[in-house]
Every structure is written in structure tokens, then in C-alpha cells.
Amino acid sequence: MTNATADSNEGGLFDSTFSIGAVAVAVVFVLIGLLMAWTGYQDDELLLVGTEMSIISGMAGLMVTWFAGLVAFVIAVYMEPGFDQ
């Protein structure tokens, strides 16, 4: 085992400012996805943009934003605090 893996501590989600920021980004993406899905379900216009949404475009927006949120959450969990330690 190398020294880097032997000495690495398991950090939590809220141990570093980077992890806190990544979790915040993930939450924002999930909320935007829910907004897009609900707007598409209602066949309404998207807020601040004015795009007419359908159920298909709403679900596509939900999947894209939730994928980005999942990526941000995985980054928050597995990213090490820094290389200078």
C-alpha cells in the first residue's frame, strides 16, 4: 500500500468547503430538475426563460439536471481535500 492510501482519512460531506460547495451544487441541480419536470407536466412556460415545456422536454430536463446533480454529489463524497496535505 502506498503512503497516500495508507494515510488517507475518510472525510465527510461537510469537512471541507469544497465538499460543502459540491453538495450545494447537487441540491440546486436536483431542485432545478424538479422545477423542470413539474413545468413540463403542467405544459407551462419555464420561469425566466419563457420556453414552452411539454412532458417530454420536462423529463429530459429532469434527467439531465439530476445526472449533473449526481455527478456533483459523487464528487463531494469522493474528492480529497487537497494535494498539499
PDB file of N, CA and C in Angstrom:
ATOM      1  N   MET A   1       0.842  -1.170   0.000  1.00  0.00           N
ATOM      2  CA  MET A   1       0.000   0.000   0.000  1.00  0.00           C
ATOM      3  C   MET A   1       0.895   1.243   0.000  1.00  0.00           C
ATOM      4  N   THR A   2       0.549   2.199  -0.780  1.00  0.00           N
ATOM      5  CA  THR A   2       1.353   3.413  -0.818  1.00  0.00           C
ATOM      6  C   THR A   2       1.056   4.289   0.379  1.00  0.00           C
ATOM      7  N   ASN A   3       1.910   5.251   0.577  1.00  0.00           N
ATOM      8  CA  ASN A   3       1.754   6.158   1.713  1.00  0.00           C
ATOM      9  C   ASN A   3       0.490   7.002   1.581  1.00  0.00           C
ATOM     10  N   ALA A   4       0.127   7.357   0.357  1.00  0.00           N
ATOM     11  CA  ALA A   4      -1.055   8.203   0.157  1.00  0.00           C
ATOM     12  C   ALA A   4      -2.336   7.467   0.526  1.00  0.00           C
ATOM     13  N   THR A   5      -2.407   6.179   0.198  1.00  0.00           N
ATOM     14  CA  THR A   5      -3.626   5.443   0.517  1.00  0.00           C
ATOM     15  C   THR A   5      -3.645   4.957   1.951  1.00  0.00           C
ATOM     16  N   ALA A   6      -2.469   4.742   2.530  1.00  0.00           N
ATOM     17  CA  ALA A   6      -2.421   4.271   3.915  1.00  0.00           C
ATOM     18  C   ALA A   6      -2.778   5.377   4.896  1.00  0.00           C
ATOM     19  N   ASP A   7      -2.425   6.610   4.571  1.00  0.00           N
ATOM     20  CA  ASP A   7      -2.654   7.719   5.491  1.00  0.00           C
ATOM     21  C   ASP A   7      -3.915   8.514   5.191  1.00  0.00           C
ATOM     22  N   SER A   8      -4.642   8.146   4.156  1.00  0.00           N
ATOM     23  CA  SER A   8      -5.817   8.947   3.803  1.00  0.00           C
ATOM     24  C   SER A   8      -6.932   8.697   4.808  1.00  0.00           C
ATOM     25  N   ASN A   9      -7.508   9.779   5.266  1.00  0.00           N
ATOM     26  CA  ASN A   9      -8.641   9.663   6.184  1.00  0.00           C
ATOM     27  C   ASN A   9      -9.930   9.829   5.395  1.00  0.00           C
ATOM     28  N   GLU A  10     -10.955   9.210   5.868  1.00  0.00           N
ATOM     29  CA  GLU A  10     -12.248   9.304   5.210  1.00  0.00           C
ATOM     30  C   GLU A  10     -12.934  10.585   5.664  1.00  0.00           C
ATOM     31  N   GLY A  11     -12.999  11.542   4.777  1.00  0.00           N
ATOM     32  CA  GLY A  11     -13.643  12.799   5.104  1.00  0.00           C
ATOM     33  C   GLY A  11     -15.139  12.714   4.910  1.00  0.00           C
ATOM     34  N   GLY A  12     -15.857  13.521   5.636  1.00  0.00           N
ATOM     35  CA  GLY A  12     -17.297  13.550   5.500  1.00  0.00           C
ATOM     36  C   GLY A  12     -17.730  14.529   4.426  1.00  0.00           C
ATOM     37  N   LEU A  13     -19.024  14.646   4.266  1.00  0.00           N
ATOM     38  CA  LEU A  13     -19.554  15.560   3.256  1.00  0.00           C
ATOM     39  C   LEU A  13     -19.335  17.016   3.620  1.00  0.00           C
ATOM     40  N   PHE A  14     -19.240  17.316   4.887  1.00  0.00           N
ATOM     41  CA  PHE A  14     -19.163  18.709   5.314  1.00  0.00           C
ATOM     42  C   PHE A  14     -17.845  19.019   6.010  1.00  0.00           C
ATOM     43  N   ASP A  15     -16.768  18.301   5.647  1.00  0.00           N
ATOM     44  CA  ASP A  15     -15.467  18.541   6.266  1.00  0.00           C
ATOM     45  C   ASP A  15     -14.690  19.658   5.592  1.00  0.00           C
ATOM     46  N   SER A  16     -14.864  19.852   4.311  1.00  0.00           N
ATOM     47  CA  SER A  16     -14.131  20.901   3.608  1.00  0.00           C
ATOM     48  C   SER A  16     -15.116  21.816   2.882  1.00  0.00           C
ATOM     49  N   THR A  17     -14.643  22.992   2.558  1.00  0.00           N
ATOM     50  CA  THR A  17     -15.510  23.937   1.848  1.00  0.00           C
ATOM     51  C   THR A  17     -15.824  23.446   0.440  1.00  0.00           C
ATOM     52  N   PHE A  18     -14.896  22.696  -0.161  1.00  0.00           N
ATOM     53  CA  PHE A  18     -15.160  22.150  -1.493  1.00  0.00           C
ATOM     54  C   PHE A  18     -16.322  21.167  -1.456  1.00  0.00           C
ATOM     55  N   SER A  19     -16.333  20.287  -0.457  1.00  0.00           N
ATOM     56  CA  SER A  19     -17.416  19.308  -0.340  1.00  0.00           C
ATOM     57  C   SER A  19     -18.751  19.989  -0.065  1.00  0.00           C
ATOM     58  N   ILE A  20     -18.729  21.013   0.767  1.00  0.00           N
ATOM     59  CA  ILE A  20     -19.961  21.755   1.053  1.00  0.00           C
ATOM     60  C   ILE A  20     -20.486  22.419  -0.217  1.00  0.00           C
ATOM     61  N   GLY A  21     -19.586  23.017  -0.989  1.00  0.00           N
ATOM     62  CA  GLY A  21     -19.989  23.650  -2.241  1.00  0.00           C
ATOM     63  C   GLY A  21     -20.520  22.653  -3.255  1.00  0.00           C
ATOM     64  N   ALA A  22     -19.889  21.475  -3.333  1.00  0.00           N
ATOM     65  CA  ALA A  22     -20.348  20.454  -4.277  1.00  0.00           C
ATOM     66  C   ALA A  22     -21.717  19.909  -3.884  1.00  0.00           C
ATOM     67  N   VAL A  23     -21.963  19.750  -2.594  1.00  0.00           N
ATOM     68  CA  VAL A  23     -23.286  19.306  -2.140  1.00  0.00           C
ATOM     69  C   VAL A  23     -24.329  20.376  -2.449  1.00  0.00           C
ATOM     70  N   ALA A  24     -23.977  21.643  -2.258  1.00  0.00           N
ATOM     71  CA  ALA A  24     -24.908  22.731  -2.568  1.00  0.00           C
ATOM     72  C   ALA A  24     -25.239  22.749  -4.061  1.00  0.00           C
ATOM     73  N   VAL A  25     -24.237  22.543  -4.899  1.00  0.00           N
ATOM     74  CA  VAL A  25     -24.479  22.490  -6.346  1.00  0.00           C
ATOM     75  C   VAL A  25     -25.384  21.311  -6.689  1.00  0.00           C
ATOM     76  N   ALA A  26     -25.160  20.164  -6.049  1.00  0.00           N
ATOM     77  CA  ALA A  26     -26.003  18.988  -6.297  1.00  0.00           C
ATOM     78  C   ALA A  26     -27.451  19.255  -5.908  1.00  0.00           C
ATOM     79  N   VAL A  27     -27.660  19.903  -4.775  1.00  0.00           N
ATOM     80  CA  VAL A  27     -29.026  20.210  -4.328  1.00  0.00           C
ATOM     81  C   VAL A  27     -29.704  21.183  -5.290  1.00  0.00           C
ATOM     82  N   VAL A  28     -28.962  22.177  -5.764  1.00  0.00           N
ATOM     83  CA  VAL A  28     -29.531  23.140  -6.714  1.00  0.00           C
ATOM     84  C   VAL A  28     -29.930  22.439  -8.012  1.00  0.00           C
ATOM     85  N   PHE A  29     -29.079  21.536  -8.507  1.00  0.00           N
ATOM     86  CA  PHE A  29     -29.417  20.795  -9.725  1.00  0.00           C
ATOM     87  C   PHE A  29     -30.667  19.941  -9.537  1.00  0.00           C
ATOM     88  N   VAL A  30     -30.792  19.293  -8.387  1.00  0.00           N
ATOM     89  CA  VAL A  30     -31.979  18.462  -8.131  1.00  0.00           C
ATOM     90  C   VAL A  30     -33.239  19.326  -8.088  1.00  0.00           C
ATOM     91  N   LEU A  31     -33.161  20.483  -7.442  1.00  0.00           N
ATOM     92  CA  LEU A  31     -34.329  21.367  -7.372  1.00  0.00           C
ATOM     93  C   LEU A  31     -34.704  21.931  -8.739  1.00  0.00           C
ATOM     94  N   ILE A  32     -33.711  22.282  -9.542  1.00  0.00           N
ATOM     95  CA  ILE A  32     -33.995  22.765 -10.898  1.00  0.00           C
ATOM     96  C   ILE A  32     -34.633  21.651 -11.728  1.00  0.00           C
ATOM     97  N   GLY A  33     -34.162  20.424 -11.547  1.00  0.00           N
ATOM     98  CA  GLY A  33     -34.764  19.290 -12.250  1.00  0.00           C
ATOM     99  C   GLY A  33     -36.213  19.080 -11.873  1.00  0.00           C
ATOM    100  N   LEU A  34     -36.516  19.189 -10.582  1.00  0.00           N
ATOM    101  CA  LEU A  34     -37.907  19.073 -10.147  1.00  0.00           C
ATOM    102  C   LEU A  34     -38.767  20.183 -10.736  1.00  0.00           C
ATOM    103  N   LEU A  35     -38.235  21.398 -10.788  1.00  0.00           N
ATOM    104  CA  LEU A  35     -38.967  22.516 -11.386  1.00  0.00           C
ATOM    105  C   LEU A  35     -39.235  22.262 -12.866  1.00  0.00           C
ATOM    106  N   MET A  36     -38.230  21.758 -13.576  1.00  0.00           N
ATOM    107  CA  MET A  36     -38.419  21.483 -15.000  1.00  0.00           C
ATOM    108  C   MET A  36     -39.431  20.359 -15.223  1.00  0.00           C
ATOM    109  N   ALA A  37     -39.376  19.322 -14.386  1.00  0.00           N
ATOM    110  CA  ALA A  37     -40.331  18.218 -14.536  1.00  0.00           C
ATOM    111  C   ALA A  37     -41.752  18.684 -14.246  1.00  0.00           C
ATOM    112  N   TRP A  38     -41.923  19.480 -13.209  1.00  0.00           N
ATOM    113  CA  TRP A  38     -43.260  19.967 -12.865  1.00  0.00           C
ATOM    114  C   TRP A  38     -43.793  20.911 -13.942  1.00  0.00           C
ATOM    115  N   THR A  39     -42.925  21.768 -14.463  1.00  0.00           N
ATOM    116  CA  THR A  39     -43.337  22.684 -15.520  1.00  0.00           C
ATOM    117  C   THR A  39     -43.718  21.912 -16.781  1.00  0.00           C
ATOM    118  N   GLY A  40     -42.957  20.874 -17.100  1.00  0.00           N
ATOM    119  CA  GLY A  40     -43.298  20.049 -18.254  1.00  0.00           C
ATOM    120  C   GLY A  40     -44.588  19.285 -18.060  1.00  0.00           C
ATOM    121  N   TYR A  41     -44.828  18.818 -16.850  1.00  0.00           N
ATOM    122  CA  TYR A  41     -46.064  18.087 -16.558  1.00  0.00           C
ATOM    123  C   TYR A  41     -47.285  18.997 -16.687  1.00  0.00           C
ATOM    124  N   GLN A  42     -47.141  20.254 -16.319  1.00  0.00           N
ATOM    125  CA  GLN A  42     -48.241  21.208 -16.393  1.00  0.00           C
ATOM    126  C   GLN A  42     -48.396  21.839 -17.780  1.00  0.00           C
ATOM    127  N   ASP A  43     -47.486  21.528 -18.715  1.00  0.00           N
ATOM    128  CA  ASP A  43     -47.465  22.154 -20.049  1.00  0.00           C
ATOM    129  C   ASP A  43     -47.440  23.673 -19.937  1.00  0.00           C
ATOM    130  N   ASP A  44     -46.556  24.168 -19.121  1.00  0.00           N
ATOM    131  CA  ASP A  44     -46.461  25.596 -18.836  1.00  0.00           C
ATOM    132  C   ASP A  44     -45.158  26.142 -19.405  1.00  0.00           C
ATOM    133  N   GLU A  45     -44.938  27.454 -19.228  1.00  0.00           N
ATOM    134  CA  GLU A  45     -43.694  28.078 -19.660  1.00  0.00           C
ATOM    135  C   GLU A  45     -42.669  28.009 -18.543  1.00  0.00           C
ATOM    136  N   LEU A  46     -41.418  27.809 -18.922  1.00  0.00           N
ATOM    137  CA  LEU A  46     -40.329  27.759 -17.956  1.00  0.00           C
ATOM    138  C   LEU A  46     -40.070  29.157 -17.411  1.00  0.00           C
ATOM    139  N   LEU A  47     -39.916  29.252 -16.108  1.00  0.00           N
ATOM    140  CA  LEU A  47     -39.718  30.550 -15.463  1.00  0.00           C
ATOM    141  C   LEU A  47     -38.458  31.242 -15.973  1.00  0.00           C
ATOM    142  N   LEU A  48     -38.524  32.531 -16.145  1.00  0.00           N
ATOM    143  CA  LEU A  48     -37.428  33.416 -16.536  1.00  0.00           C
ATOM    144  C   LEU A  48     -36.897  33.183 -17.943  1.00  0.00           C
ATOM    145  N   VAL A  49     -37.271  32.090 -18.593  1.00  0.00           N
ATOM    146  CA  VAL A  49     -36.785  31.811 -19.937  1.00  0.00           C
ATOM    147  C   VAL A  49     -37.907  31.956 -20.952  1.00  0.00           C
ATOM    148  N   GLY A  50     -39.103  31.499 -20.588  1.00  0.00           N
ATOM    149  CA  GLY A  50     -40.253  31.615 -21.460  1.00  0.00           C
ATOM    150  C   GLY A  50     -40.416  30.463 -22.429  1.00  0.00           C
ATOM    151  N   THR A  51     -39.635  29.399 -22.265  1.00  0.00           N
ATOM    152  CA  THR A  51     -39.727  28.253 -23.159  1.00  0.00           C
ATOM    153  C   THR A  51     -40.963  27.428 -22.824  1.00  0.00           C
ATOM    154  N   GLU A  52     -41.758  27.133 -23.839  1.00  0.00           N
ATOM    155  CA  GLU A  52     -42.940  26.288 -23.647  1.00  0.00           C
ATOM    156  C   GLU A  52     -42.487  24.850 -23.422  1.00  0.00           C
ATOM    157  N   MET A  53     -42.899  24.272 -22.299  1.00  0.00           N
ATOM    158  CA  MET A  53     -42.451  22.935 -21.920  1.00  0.00           C
ATOM    159  C   MET A  53     -43.552  21.915 -22.192  1.00  0.00           C
ATOM    160  N   SER A  54     -43.144  20.719 -22.563  1.00  0.00           N
ATOM    161  CA  SER A  54     -44.055  19.578 -22.663  1.00  0.00           C
ATOM    162  C   SER A  54     -43.559  18.516 -21.691  1.00  0.00           C
ATOM    163  N   ILE A  55     -44.289  17.432 -21.582  1.00  0.00           N
ATOM    164  CA  ILE A  55     -43.888  16.380 -20.652  1.00  0.00           C
ATOM    165  C   ILE A  55     -42.560  15.758 -21.081  1.00  0.00           C
ATOM    166  N   ILE A  56     -42.316  15.679 -22.389  1.00  0.00           N
ATOM    167  CA  ILE A  56     -41.067  15.095 -22.891  1.00  0.00           C
ATOM    168  C   ILE A  56     -39.885  15.999 -22.564  1.00  0.00           C
ATOM    169  N   SER A  57     -40.012  17.287 -22.839  1.00  0.00           N
ATOM    170  CA  SER A  57     -38.902  18.194 -22.539  1.00  0.00           C
ATOM    171  C   SER A  57     -38.703  18.356 -21.037  1.00  0.00           C
ATOM    172  N   GLY A  58     -39.777  18.262 -20.272  1.00  0.00           N
ATOM    173  CA  GLY A  58     -39.647  18.333 -18.821  1.00  0.00           C
ATOM    174  C   GLY A  58     -38.896  17.143 -18.252  1.00  0.00           C
ATOM    175  N   MET A  59     -39.205  15.945 -18.750  1.00  0.00           N
ATOM    176  CA  MET A  59     -38.499  14.749 -18.283  1.00  0.00           C
ATOM    177  C   MET A  59     -37.052  14.732 -18.768  1.00  0.00           C
ATOM    178  N   ALA A  60     -36.807  15.250 -19.969  1.00  0.00           N
ATOM    179  CA  ALA A  60     -35.427  15.341 -20.450  1.00  0.00           C
ATOM    180  C   ALA A  60     -34.621  16.302 -19.577  1.00  0.00           C
ATOM    181  N   GLY A  61     -35.223  17.431 -19.226  1.00  0.00           N
ATOM    182  CA  GLY A  61     -34.554  18.367 -18.328  1.00  0.00           C
ATOM    183  C   GLY A  61     -34.317  17.779 -16.956  1.00  0.00           C
ATOM    184  N   LEU A  62     -35.285  17.006 -16.466  1.00  0.00           N
ATOM    185  CA  LEU A  62     -35.125  16.332 -15.176  1.00  0.00           C
ATOM    186  C   LEU A  62     -33.943  15.370 -15.208  1.00  0.00           C
ATOM    187  N   MET A  63     -33.846  14.556 -16.250  1.00  0.00           N
ATOM    188  CA  MET A  63     -32.768  13.576 -16.315  1.00  0.00           C
ATOM    189  C   MET A  63     -31.401  14.233 -16.454  1.00  0.00           C
ATOM    190  N   VAL A  64     -31.311  15.294 -17.250  1.00  0.00           N
ATOM    191  CA  VAL A  64     -30.024  15.972 -17.431  1.00  0.00           C
ATOM    192  C   VAL A  64     -29.582  16.650 -16.141  1.00  0.00           C
ATOM    193  N   THR A  65     -30.485  17.357 -15.491  1.00  0.00           N
ATOM    194  CA  THR A  65     -30.091  18.065 -14.273  1.00  0.00           C
ATOM    195  C   THR A  65     -29.843  17.103 -13.120  1.00  0.00           C
ATOM    196  N   TRP A  66     -30.599  16.013 -13.034  1.00  0.00           N
ATOM    197  CA  TRP A  66     -30.339  15.037 -11.966  1.00  0.00           C
ATOM    198  C   TRP A  66     -29.034  14.287 -12.203  1.00  0.00           C
ATOM    199  N   PHE A  67     -28.666  14.070 -13.473  1.00  0.00           N
ATOM    200  CA  PHE A  67     -27.364  13.461 -13.746  1.00  0.00           C
ATOM    201  C   PHE A  67     -26.243  14.394 -13.303  1.00  0.00           C
ATOM    202  N   ALA A  68     -26.372  15.679 -13.614  1.00  0.00           N
ATOM    203  CA  ALA A  68     -25.360  16.640 -13.171  1.00  0.00           C
ATOM    204  C   ALA A  68     -25.327  16.731 -11.646  1.00  0.00           C
ATOM    205  N   GLY A  69     -26.484  16.665 -11.006  1.00  0.00           N
ATOM    206  CA  GLY A  69     -26.527  16.664  -9.547  1.00  0.00           C
ATOM    207  C   GLY A  69     -25.892  15.426  -8.949  1.00  0.00           C
ATOM    208  N   LEU A  70     -26.103  14.274  -9.582  1.00  0.00           N
ATOM    209  CA  LEU A  70     -25.481  13.039  -9.115  1.00  0.00           C
ATOM    210  C   LEU A  70     -23.964  13.104  -9.254  1.00  0.00           C
ATOM    211  N   VAL A  71     -23.489  13.647 -10.365  1.00  0.00           N
ATOM    212  CA  VAL A  71     -22.045  13.813 -10.555  1.00  0.00           C
ATOM    213  C   VAL A  71     -21.469  14.741  -9.493  1.00  0.00           C
ATOM    214  N   ALA A  72     -22.148  15.844  -9.205  1.00  0.00           N
ATOM    215  CA  ALA A  72     -21.671  16.773  -8.175  1.00  0.00           C
ATOM    216  C   ALA A  72     -21.673  16.121  -6.798  1.00  0.00           C
ATOM    217  N   PHE A  73     -22.667  15.288  -6.517  1.00  0.00           N
ATOM    218  CA  PHE A  73     -22.720  14.608  -5.223  1.00  0.00           C
ATOM    219  C   PHE A  73     -21.609  13.570  -5.096  1.00  0.00           C
ATOM    220  N   VAL A  74     -21.334  12.829  -6.168  1.00  0.00           N
ATOM    221  CA  VAL A  74     -20.237  11.856  -6.141  1.00  0.00           C
ATOM    222  C   VAL A  74     -18.905  12.572  -5.975  1.00  0.00           C
ATOM    223  N   ILE A  75     -18.739  13.702  -6.619  1.00  0.00           N
ATOM    224  CA  ILE A  75     -17.522  14.491  -6.440  1.00  0.00           C
ATOM    225  C   ILE A  75     -17.397  14.949  -4.997  1.00  0.00           C
ATOM    226  N   ALA A  76     -18.495  15.352  -4.393  1.00  0.00           N
ATOM    227  CA  ALA A  76     -18.451  15.795  -2.994  1.00  0.00           C
ATOM    228  C   ALA A  76     -18.064  14.660  -2.061  1.00  0.00           C
ATOM    229  N   VAL A  77     -18.491  13.451  -2.364  1.00  0.00           N
ATOM    230  CA  VAL A  77     -18.200  12.318  -1.481  1.00  0.00           C
ATOM    231  C   VAL A  77     -16.766  11.839  -1.648  1.00  0.00           C
ATOM    232  N   TYR A  78     -16.289  11.724  -2.877  1.00  0.00           N
ATOM    233  CA  TYR A  78     -15.019  11.055  -3.126  1.00  0.00           C
ATOM    234  C   TYR A  78     -13.831  11.981  -3.358  1.00  0.00           C
ATOM    235  N   MET A  79     -14.025  13.272  -3.492  1.00  0.00           N
ATOM    236  CA  MET A  79     -12.908  14.171  -3.758  1.00  0.00           C
ATOM    237  C   MET A  79     -12.105  14.390  -2.488  1.00  0.00           C
ATOM    238  N   GLU A  80     -10.800  14.297  -2.607  1.00  0.00           N
ATOM    239  CA  GLU A  80      -9.930  14.541  -1.458  1.00  0.00           C
ATOM    240  C   GLU A  80      -9.797  16.043  -1.249  1.00  0.00           C
ATOM    241  N   PRO A  81      -9.548  16.484  -0.012  1.00  0.00           N
ATOM    242  CA  PRO A  81      -9.499  17.916   0.267  1.00  0.00           C
ATOM    243  C   PRO A  81      -8.393  18.658  -0.463  1.00  0.00           C
ATOM    244  N   GLY A  82      -7.252  18.034  -0.719  1.00  0.00           N
ATOM    245  CA  GLY A  82      -6.184  18.723  -1.422  1.00  0.00           C
ATOM    246  C   GLY A  82      -4.940  17.872  -1.496  1.00  0.00           C
ATOM    247  N   PHE A  83      -4.024  18.266  -2.375  1.00  0.00           N
ATOM    248  CA  PHE A  83      -2.796  17.502  -2.547  1.00  0.00           C
ATOM    249  C   PHE A  83      -1.672  18.009  -1.655  1.00  0.00           C
ATOM    250  N   ASP A  84      -1.875  19.110  -0.969  1.00  0.00           N
ATOM    251  CA  ASP A  84      -0.801  19.702  -0.173  1.00  0.00           C
ATOM    252  C   ASP A  84      -0.720  19.131   1.232  1.00  0.00           C
ATOM    253  N   GLN A  85      -1.522  18.157   1.576  1.00  0.00           N
ATOM    254  CA  GLN A  85      -1.511  17.619   2.939  1.00  0.00           C
ATOM    255  C   GLN A  85      -0.673  16.366   3.035  1.00  0.00           C
TER     256      GLN A  85
END
